[in-house]
Amino acid sequence: MKAVLKGVVAAAAATALLSGMVAGTASAGVRGDYDGSAVRVRTQPKLNATVLGLGYRGNGLCAYRVVSGDPVNGNYAWIDHKNLSRPIARGYSHADLIVLFGGTSC
């Protein structure tokens, strides 16, 4: 139950932060980081989607939007983002594995 609650809170916080971005500005995003080691960045918000690369705590990322995808522990929220330190294409990671920093845009 605690893990599910954490996921719901993380998804709500991510949505709130990202909804504050300027509508229609494709380059606007919110800074964040990976909350783990070797976080998979996928082509789609699905557990069986191709892995583009791995994100690590300290790489930093720019999050663009929250989308619905395959559930993990009851949480359907995935973050569309770009790794800021590694040459990985823009992709999706589950919201439970990402921390967003309010008030900092990228």
C-alpha atoms as a PDB file:
ATOM      1  CA  MET A   1       0.000   0.000   0.000  1.00  0.00           C
ATOM      2  CA  LYS A   2       2.830   2.398   0.852  1.00  0.00           C
ATOM      3  CA  ALA A   3       4.463   1.871  -2.575  1.00  0.00           C
ATOM      4  CA  VAL A   4       1.150   2.464  -4.356  1.00  0.00           C
ATOM      5  CA  LEU A   5       0.548   5.662  -2.370  1.00  0.00           C
ATOM      6  CA  LYS A   6       4.068   6.889  -3.195  1.00  0.00           C
ATOM      7  CA  GLY A   7       3.356   6.247  -6.885  1.00  0.00           C
ATOM      8  CA  VAL A   8       0.066   8.130  -6.811  1.00  0.00           C
ATOM      9  CA  VAL A   9       1.669  11.087  -5.012  1.00  0.00           C
ATOM     10  CA  ALA A  10       4.619  11.087  -7.458  1.00  0.00           C
ATOM     11  CA  ALA A  11       2.273  11.032 -10.455  1.00  0.00           C
ATOM     12  CA  ALA A  12       0.154  13.865  -9.052  1.00  0.00           C
ATOM     13  CA  ALA A  13       3.242  15.960  -8.300  1.00  0.00           C
ATOM     14  CA  ALA A  14       4.680  15.313 -11.757  1.00  0.00           C
ATOM     15  CA  THR A  15       1.422  16.307 -13.414  1.00  0.00           C
ATOM     16  CA  ALA A  16       1.171  19.469 -11.315  1.00  0.00           C
ATOM     17  CA  LEU A  17       4.747  20.529 -12.115  1.00  0.00           C
ATOM     18  CA  LEU A  18       4.470  19.810 -15.813  1.00  0.00           C
ATOM     19  CA  SER A  19       1.060  21.480 -16.160  1.00  0.00           C
ATOM     20  CA  GLY A  20       2.696  24.750 -15.135  1.00  0.00           C
ATOM     21  CA  MET A  21       4.731  24.825 -18.362  1.00  0.00           C
ATOM     22  CA  VAL A  22       3.874  27.265 -21.123  1.00  0.00           C
ATOM     23  CA  ALA A  23       1.341  25.657 -23.463  1.00  0.00           C
ATOM     24  CA  GLY A  24       2.469  25.295 -27.044  1.00  0.00           C
ATOM     25  CA  THR A  25       6.189  25.661 -26.303  1.00  0.00           C
ATOM     26  CA  ALA A  26       7.777  22.439 -27.476  1.00  0.00           C
ATOM     27  CA  SER A  27      11.152  23.141 -25.874  1.00  0.00           C
ATOM     28  CA  ALA A  28       9.757  23.956 -22.408  1.00  0.00           C
ATOM     29  CA  GLY A  29      10.316  21.359 -19.734  1.00  0.00           C
ATOM     30  CA  VAL A  30      10.962  20.780 -16.064  1.00  0.00           C
ATOM     31  CA  ARG A  31      14.364  19.724 -14.726  1.00  0.00           C
ATOM     32  CA  GLY A  32      14.653  16.516 -12.801  1.00  0.00           C
ATOM     33  CA  ASP A  33      16.814  13.462 -12.221  1.00  0.00           C
ATOM     34  CA  TYR A  34      16.599   9.705 -12.072  1.00  0.00           C
ATOM     35  CA  ASP A  35      15.679   8.250  -8.699  1.00  0.00           C
ATOM     36  CA  GLY A  36      17.705   5.100  -9.136  1.00  0.00           C
ATOM     37  CA  SER A  37      20.522   3.431 -10.989  1.00  0.00           C
ATOM     38  CA  ALA A  38      20.171   2.082 -14.530  1.00  0.00           C
ATOM     39  CA  VAL A  39      16.647   3.441 -15.097  1.00  0.00           C
ATOM     40  CA  ARG A  40      15.431   2.230 -18.491  1.00  0.00           C
ATOM     41  CA  VAL A  41      14.526   4.909 -21.042  1.00  0.00           C
ATOM     42  CA  ARG A  42      12.036   3.346 -23.472  1.00  0.00           C
ATOM     43  CA  THR A  43      10.617   4.201 -26.902  1.00  0.00           C
ATOM     44  CA  GLN A  44       7.036   4.034 -25.547  1.00  0.00           C
ATOM     45  CA  PRO A  45       5.458   4.068 -22.073  1.00  0.00           C
ATOM     46  CA  LYS A  46       5.243   0.271 -22.080  1.00  0.00           C
ATOM     47  CA  LEU A  47       7.204  -2.328 -20.153  1.00  0.00           C
ATOM     48  CA  ASN A  48       7.953  -4.315 -23.315  1.00  0.00           C
ATOM     49  CA  ALA A  49       9.029  -1.285 -25.414  1.00  0.00           C
ATOM     50  CA  THR A  50      12.569  -1.092 -26.772  1.00  0.00           C
ATOM     51  CA  VAL A  51      15.123   0.304 -24.323  1.00  0.00           C
ATOM     52  CA  LEU A  52      16.954   3.312 -25.795  1.00  0.00           C
ATOM     53  CA  GLY A  53      19.475   3.514 -22.965  1.00  0.00           C
ATOM     54  CA  LEU A  54      19.887   3.802 -19.214  1.00  0.00           C
ATOM     55  CA  GLY A  55      19.617   6.837 -16.947  1.00  0.00           C
ATOM     56  CA  TYR A  56      21.568   7.199 -13.703  1.00  0.00           C
ATOM     57  CA  ARG A  57      21.176   9.388 -10.630  1.00  0.00           C
ATOM     58  CA  GLY A  58      23.154  12.556 -11.312  1.00  0.00           C
ATOM     59  CA  ASN A  59      22.627  12.548 -15.112  1.00  0.00           C
ATOM     60  CA  GLY A  60      19.826  15.075 -14.892  1.00  0.00           C
ATOM     61  CA  LEU A  61      16.860  15.149 -17.251  1.00  0.00           C
ATOM     62  CA  CYS A  62      14.368  17.472 -18.857  1.00  0.00           C
ATOM     63  CA  ALA A  63      10.764  16.262 -18.450  1.00  0.00           C
ATOM     64  CA  TYR A  64       8.196  17.381 -21.022  1.00  0.00           C
ATOM     65  CA  ARG A  65       4.923  15.677 -20.113  1.00  0.00           C
ATOM     66  CA  VAL A  66       3.219  12.933 -18.132  1.00  0.00           C
ATOM     67  CA  VAL A  67       1.519  10.208 -20.164  1.00  0.00           C
ATOM     68  CA  SER A  68      -0.471   7.110 -19.303  1.00  0.00           C
ATOM     69  CA  GLY A  69       1.213   3.785 -19.958  1.00  0.00           C
ATOM     70  CA  ASP A  70       1.635   0.294 -18.571  1.00  0.00           C
ATOM     71  CA  PRO A  71       0.984   0.181 -14.824  1.00  0.00           C
ATOM     72  CA  VAL A  72       3.764  -0.460 -12.327  1.00  0.00           C
ATOM     73  CA  ASN A  73       2.479  -1.152  -8.802  1.00  0.00           C
ATOM     74  CA  GLY A  74      -0.874   0.359  -9.820  1.00  0.00           C
ATOM     75  CA  ASN A  75       0.645   3.604 -11.168  1.00  0.00           C
ATOM     76  CA  TYR A  76       0.076   4.344 -14.891  1.00  0.00           C
ATOM     77  CA  ALA A  77       2.169   7.555 -15.024  1.00  0.00           C
ATOM     78  CA  TRP A  78       5.226   7.698 -17.278  1.00  0.00           C
ATOM     79  CA  ILE A  79       7.417  10.738 -17.967  1.00  0.00           C
ATOM     80  CA  ASP A  80       8.373  11.800 -21.506  1.00  0.00           C
ATOM     81  CA  HIS A  81      11.906  13.157 -21.046  1.00  0.00           C
ATOM     82  CA  LYS A  82      15.446  13.684 -22.360  1.00  0.00           C
ATOM     83  CA  ASN A  83      18.598  12.681 -20.470  1.00  0.00           C
ATOM     84  CA  LEU A  84      20.861  15.739 -20.096  1.00  0.00           C
ATOM     85  CA  SER A  85      24.185  13.905 -19.707  1.00  0.00           C
ATOM     86  CA  ARG A  86      24.061  10.827 -21.898  1.00  0.00           C
ATOM     87  CA  PRO A  87      23.468  10.549 -25.662  1.00  0.00           C
ATOM     88  CA  ILE A  88      20.073   8.859 -25.311  1.00  0.00           C
ATOM     89  CA  ALA A  89      17.130   9.758 -27.534  1.00  0.00           C
ATOM     90  CA  ARG A  90      14.092  11.342 -25.906  1.00  0.00           C
ATOM     91  CA  GLY A  91      11.972   8.594 -24.371  1.00  0.00           C
ATOM     92  CA  TYR A  92       9.837   7.403 -21.468  1.00  0.00           C
ATOM     93  CA  SER A  93      10.583   6.181 -17.944  1.00  0.00           C
ATOM     94  CA  HIS A  94       8.102   5.284 -15.224  1.00  0.00           C
ATOM     95  CA  ALA A  95       7.213   8.211 -12.927  1.00  0.00           C
ATOM     96  CA  ASP A  96       8.228   6.274  -9.798  1.00  0.00           C
ATOM     97  CA  LEU A  97      11.830   6.386 -11.050  1.00  0.00           C
ATOM     98  CA  ILE A  98      12.031  10.130 -11.697  1.00  0.00           C
ATOM     99  CA  VAL A  99      12.245  13.120  -9.352  1.00  0.00           C
ATOM    100  CA  LEU A 100      11.210  16.535 -10.690  1.00  0.00           C
ATOM    101  CA  PHE A 101      12.548  19.822  -9.331  1.00  0.00           C
ATOM    102  CA  GLY A 102       9.845  22.464  -9.061  1.00  0.00           C
ATOM    103  CA  GLY A 103      10.615  25.933 -10.313  1.00  0.00           C
ATOM    104  CA  THR A 104      13.479  24.932 -12.597  1.00  0.00           C
ATOM    105  CA  SER A 105      12.832  24.769 -16.322  1.00  0.00           C
ATOM    106  CA  CYS A 106      14.953  23.436 -19.156  1.00  0.00           C
END
